[in-house]
């Protein structure tokens, strides 16, 4: 399982993410993003939603994956579990598990979008810094 930590950013919110491989980095980025939004330990994996995105490369797929999850969040969902099932340079298929937003879920931060700002997945094991518009 990868790790994540918030890093200082002048205007927005930034998250440094590390994974054992690229799929783990993608899962960890999603977990990190929802950890910024709410306390993910309070989210029950009651509903599973399949997510598919296409992109130009791993960085594009990462942004599209996170933004699709943010779209689902705007529809009233919060997630705590993420599993990449298929990943190629141009396609990502994953499962996100969570539940409908309930009164006991405290929202800490409203994230508008994941951005491409200085985004590069690099290294072995891979790491990236993701900037979110808030």
C-alpha atoms as a PDB file:
ATOM      1  CA  UNK A   1       0.000   0.000   0.000  1.00  0.00           C
ATOM      2  CA  UNK A   2       1.308   3.414  -0.962  1.00  0.00           C
ATOM      3  CA  UNK A   3       1.622   6.510   1.164  1.00  0.00           C
ATOM      4  CA  UNK A   4       0.528  10.101   0.826  1.00  0.00           C
ATOM      5  CA  UNK A   5       1.061  13.361   2.644  1.00  0.00           C
ATOM      6  CA  UNK A   6      -0.131  16.926   2.104  1.00  0.00           C
ATOM      7  CA  UNK A   7       2.609  19.333   1.023  1.00  0.00           C
ATOM      8  CA  UNK A   8       2.554  23.133   1.245  1.00  0.00           C
ATOM      9  CA  UNK A   9       1.272  24.988  -1.805  1.00  0.00           C
ATOM     10  CA  UNK A  10       0.785  28.723  -2.194  1.00  0.00           C
ATOM     11  CA  UNK A  11      -2.842  28.901  -3.344  1.00  0.00           C
ATOM     12  CA  UNK A  12      -4.250  25.402  -3.658  1.00  0.00           C
ATOM     13  CA  UNK A  13      -3.802  22.035  -1.941  1.00  0.00           C
ATOM     14  CA  UNK A  14      -1.059  19.641  -2.920  1.00  0.00           C
ATOM     15  CA  UNK A  15      -0.535  15.961  -2.146  1.00  0.00           C
ATOM     16  CA  UNK A  16       2.673  13.955  -2.490  1.00  0.00           C
ATOM     17  CA  UNK A  17       1.878  10.336  -3.372  1.00  0.00           C
ATOM     18  CA  UNK A  18       4.106   7.258  -3.500  1.00  0.00           C
ATOM     19  CA  UNK A  19       3.131   3.769  -4.615  1.00  0.00           C
ATOM     20  CA  UNK A  20       4.823   0.406  -5.020  1.00  0.00           C
ATOM     21  CA  UNK A  21       3.795   0.570  -8.696  1.00  0.00           C
ATOM     22  CA  UNK A  22       1.623   2.811 -10.895  1.00  0.00           C
ATOM     23  CA  UNK A  23      -1.719   1.102 -10.034  1.00  0.00           C
ATOM     24  CA  UNK A  24      -0.881   1.435  -6.313  1.00  0.00           C
ATOM     25  CA  UNK A  25       0.001   5.106  -6.854  1.00  0.00           C
ATOM     26  CA  UNK A  26      -3.398   5.676  -8.523  1.00  0.00           C
ATOM     27  CA  UNK A  27      -5.242   3.974  -5.641  1.00  0.00           C
ATOM     28  CA  UNK A  28      -3.194   5.875  -3.057  1.00  0.00           C
ATOM     29  CA  UNK A  29      -3.866   9.202  -4.799  1.00  0.00           C
ATOM     30  CA  UNK A  30      -7.617   8.570  -4.613  1.00  0.00           C
ATOM     31  CA  UNK A  31      -7.382   7.587  -0.938  1.00  0.00           C
ATOM     32  CA  UNK A  32      -5.282  10.668  -0.235  1.00  0.00           C
ATOM     33  CA  UNK A  33      -7.716  12.963  -2.040  1.00  0.00           C
ATOM     34  CA  UNK A  34     -10.704  11.642  -0.087  1.00  0.00           C
ATOM     35  CA  UNK A  35      -8.680  11.894   3.136  1.00  0.00           C
ATOM     36  CA  UNK A  36      -8.381  15.617   2.409  1.00  0.00           C
ATOM     37  CA  UNK A  37     -12.140  15.817   1.839  1.00  0.00           C
ATOM     38  CA  UNK A  38     -13.335  13.815   4.867  1.00  0.00           C
ATOM     39  CA  UNK A  39     -12.431  11.212   7.480  1.00  0.00           C
ATOM     40  CA  UNK A  40     -12.333   8.096   5.306  1.00  0.00           C
ATOM     41  CA  UNK A  41     -12.316   5.758   8.315  1.00  0.00           C
ATOM     42  CA  UNK A  42     -15.968   6.786   8.867  1.00  0.00           C
ATOM     43  CA  UNK A  43     -16.987   5.679   5.353  1.00  0.00           C
ATOM     44  CA  UNK A  44     -18.539   2.250   4.965  1.00  0.00           C
ATOM     45  CA  UNK A  45     -17.906   0.394   1.679  1.00  0.00           C
ATOM     46  CA  UNK A  46     -21.635  -0.143   1.071  1.00  0.00           C
ATOM     47  CA  UNK A  47     -21.760   0.747  -2.631  1.00  0.00           C
ATOM     48  CA  UNK A  48     -19.321  -0.211  -5.367  1.00  0.00           C
ATOM     49  CA  UNK A  49     -19.033   1.941  -8.465  1.00  0.00           C
ATOM     50  CA  UNK A  50     -17.020   1.058 -11.540  1.00  0.00           C
ATOM     51  CA  UNK A  51     -14.985   3.861 -13.073  1.00  0.00           C
ATOM     52  CA  UNK A  52     -13.461   3.816 -16.563  1.00  0.00           C
ATOM     53  CA  UNK A  53     -11.383   6.614 -18.049  1.00  0.00           C
ATOM     54  CA  UNK A  54      -9.272   7.012 -21.165  1.00  0.00           C
ATOM     55  CA  UNK A  55      -6.256   9.260 -21.464  1.00  0.00           C
ATOM     56  CA  UNK A  56      -3.027  10.117 -23.252  1.00  0.00           C
ATOM     57  CA  UNK A  57      -0.603   8.765 -20.623  1.00  0.00           C
ATOM     58  CA  UNK A  58      -0.401   7.849 -16.930  1.00  0.00           C
ATOM     59  CA  UNK A  59      -0.481  11.495 -15.786  1.00  0.00           C
ATOM     60  CA  UNK A  60      -3.580  12.187 -17.875  1.00  0.00           C
ATOM     61  CA  UNK A  61      -5.227   9.001 -16.572  1.00  0.00           C
ATOM     62  CA  UNK A  62      -4.442  10.018 -12.984  1.00  0.00           C
ATOM     63  CA  UNK A  63      -6.087  13.427 -13.393  1.00  0.00           C
ATOM     64  CA  UNK A  64      -9.109  11.987 -15.219  1.00  0.00           C
ATOM     65  CA  UNK A  65      -9.497   9.219 -12.576  1.00  0.00           C
ATOM     66  CA  UNK A  66      -9.410  11.695  -9.691  1.00  0.00           C
ATOM     67  CA  UNK A  67     -11.745  14.118 -11.464  1.00  0.00           C
ATOM     68  CA  UNK A  68     -14.237  11.320 -12.189  1.00  0.00           C
ATOM     69  CA  UNK A  69     -14.202  10.478  -8.475  1.00  0.00           C
ATOM     70  CA  UNK A  70     -14.781  14.168  -7.696  1.00  0.00           C
ATOM     71  CA  UNK A  71     -17.727  14.137 -10.101  1.00  0.00           C
ATOM     72  CA  UNK A  72     -19.189  11.146  -8.227  1.00  0.00           C
ATOM     73  CA  UNK A  73     -18.555  13.013  -4.967  1.00  0.00           C
ATOM     74  CA  UNK A  74     -20.545  15.965  -6.375  1.00  0.00           C
ATOM     75  CA  UNK A  75     -23.386  13.465  -6.894  1.00  0.00           C
ATOM     76  CA  UNK A  76     -23.389  12.733  -3.153  1.00  0.00           C
ATOM     77  CA  UNK A  77     -20.850   9.918  -2.718  1.00  0.00           C
ATOM     78  CA  UNK A  78     -17.818   9.549  -0.490  1.00  0.00           C
ATOM     79  CA  UNK A  79     -15.316   6.722  -0.954  1.00  0.00           C
ATOM     80  CA  UNK A  80     -12.781   4.922   1.201  1.00  0.00           C
ATOM     81  CA  UNK A  81     -11.646   1.966  -0.937  1.00  0.00           C
ATOM     82  CA  UNK A  82     -10.162   2.021  -4.432  1.00  0.00           C
ATOM     83  CA  UNK A  83      -8.936  -0.823  -6.636  1.00  0.00           C
ATOM     84  CA  UNK A  84      -7.375  -0.443 -10.066  1.00  0.00           C
ATOM     85  CA  UNK A  85      -8.447  -3.483 -12.094  1.00  0.00           C
ATOM     86  CA  UNK A  86      -7.010  -2.673 -15.523  1.00  0.00           C
ATOM     87  CA  UNK A  87      -4.382  -0.119 -16.417  1.00  0.00           C
ATOM     88  CA  UNK A  88      -2.581   0.585 -19.670  1.00  0.00           C
ATOM     89  CA  UNK A  89      -0.984   3.781 -20.994  1.00  0.00           C
ATOM     90  CA  UNK A  90      -4.395   4.890 -22.355  1.00  0.00           C
ATOM     91  CA  UNK A  91      -7.048   3.216 -20.177  1.00  0.00           C
ATOM     92  CA  UNK A  92      -7.922   2.804 -16.525  1.00  0.00           C
ATOM     93  CA  UNK A  93     -10.707   0.647 -15.088  1.00  0.00           C
ATOM     94  CA  UNK A  94     -11.266   0.650 -11.342  1.00  0.00           C
ATOM     95  CA  UNK A  95     -13.725   0.095  -8.529  1.00  0.00           C
ATOM     96  CA  UNK A  96     -14.465   2.671  -5.841  1.00  0.00           C
ATOM     97  CA  UNK A  97     -16.351   1.640  -2.706  1.00  0.00           C
ATOM     98  CA  UNK A  98     -18.109   3.974  -0.349  1.00  0.00           C
ATOM     99  CA  UNK A  99     -21.516   5.297   0.518  1.00  0.00           C
ATOM    100  CA  UNK A 100     -23.905   8.167   0.015  1.00  0.00           C
ATOM    101  CA  UNK A 101     -22.948  11.253   1.982  1.00  0.00           C
ATOM    102  CA  UNK A 102     -24.612  11.150   5.409  1.00  0.00           C
ATOM    103  CA  UNK A 103     -24.970  13.749   8.202  1.00  0.00           C
ATOM    104  CA  UNK A 104     -22.204  12.137  10.282  1.00  0.00           C
ATOM    105  CA  UNK A 105     -19.651  12.647   7.477  1.00  0.00           C
ATOM    106  CA  UNK A 106     -17.708  15.822   8.190  1.00  0.00           C
ATOM    107  CA  UNK A 107     -16.494  17.534   5.042  1.00  0.00           C
ATOM    108  CA  UNK A 108     -13.138  19.211   5.682  1.00  0.00           C
ATOM    109  CA  UNK A 109     -12.334  20.565   2.249  1.00  0.00           C
ATOM    110  CA  UNK A 110     -14.081  21.180  -1.058  1.00  0.00           C
ATOM    111  CA  UNK A 111     -11.851  20.100  -3.923  1.00  0.00           C
ATOM    112  CA  UNK A 112     -12.945  21.435  -7.304  1.00  0.00           C
ATOM    113  CA  UNK A 113     -10.505  19.514  -9.501  1.00  0.00           C
ATOM    114  CA  UNK A 114      -7.233  17.630  -9.801  1.00  0.00           C
ATOM    115  CA  UNK A 115      -4.869  19.581 -12.056  1.00  0.00           C
ATOM    116  CA  UNK A 116      -2.015  18.897 -14.443  1.00  0.00           C
ATOM    117  CA  UNK A 117       0.143  21.581 -12.764  1.00  0.00           C
ATOM    118  CA  UNK A 118       3.742  20.220 -12.664  1.00  0.00           C
ATOM    119  CA  UNK A 119       2.355  16.659 -12.626  1.00  0.00           C
ATOM    120  CA  UNK A 120       4.851  13.929 -13.437  1.00  0.00           C
ATOM    121  CA  UNK A 121       4.804  10.314 -12.335  1.00  0.00           C
ATOM    122  CA  UNK A 122       8.453   9.339 -11.964  1.00  0.00           C
ATOM    123  CA  UNK A 123      10.816   6.996 -10.179  1.00  0.00           C
ATOM    124  CA  UNK A 124      10.876   3.415  -9.017  1.00  0.00           C
ATOM    125  CA  UNK A 125       8.834   3.083  -6.917  1.00  0.00           C
ATOM    126  CA  UNK A 126       6.739   5.778  -8.606  1.00  0.00           C
ATOM    127  CA  UNK A 127       5.813   9.050  -6.943  1.00  0.00           C
ATOM    128  CA  UNK A 128       3.976  12.208  -7.953  1.00  0.00           C
ATOM    129  CA  UNK A 129       2.832  15.506  -6.505  1.00  0.00           C
ATOM    130  CA  UNK A 130      -0.767  16.366  -7.346  1.00  0.00           C
ATOM    131  CA  UNK A 131      -2.149  19.901  -7.082  1.00  0.00           C
ATOM    132  CA  UNK A 132      -5.893  20.300  -6.452  1.00  0.00           C
ATOM    133  CA  UNK A 133      -7.995  23.385  -7.146  1.00  0.00           C
ATOM    134  CA  UNK A 134      -9.967  24.270  -4.044  1.00  0.00           C
END
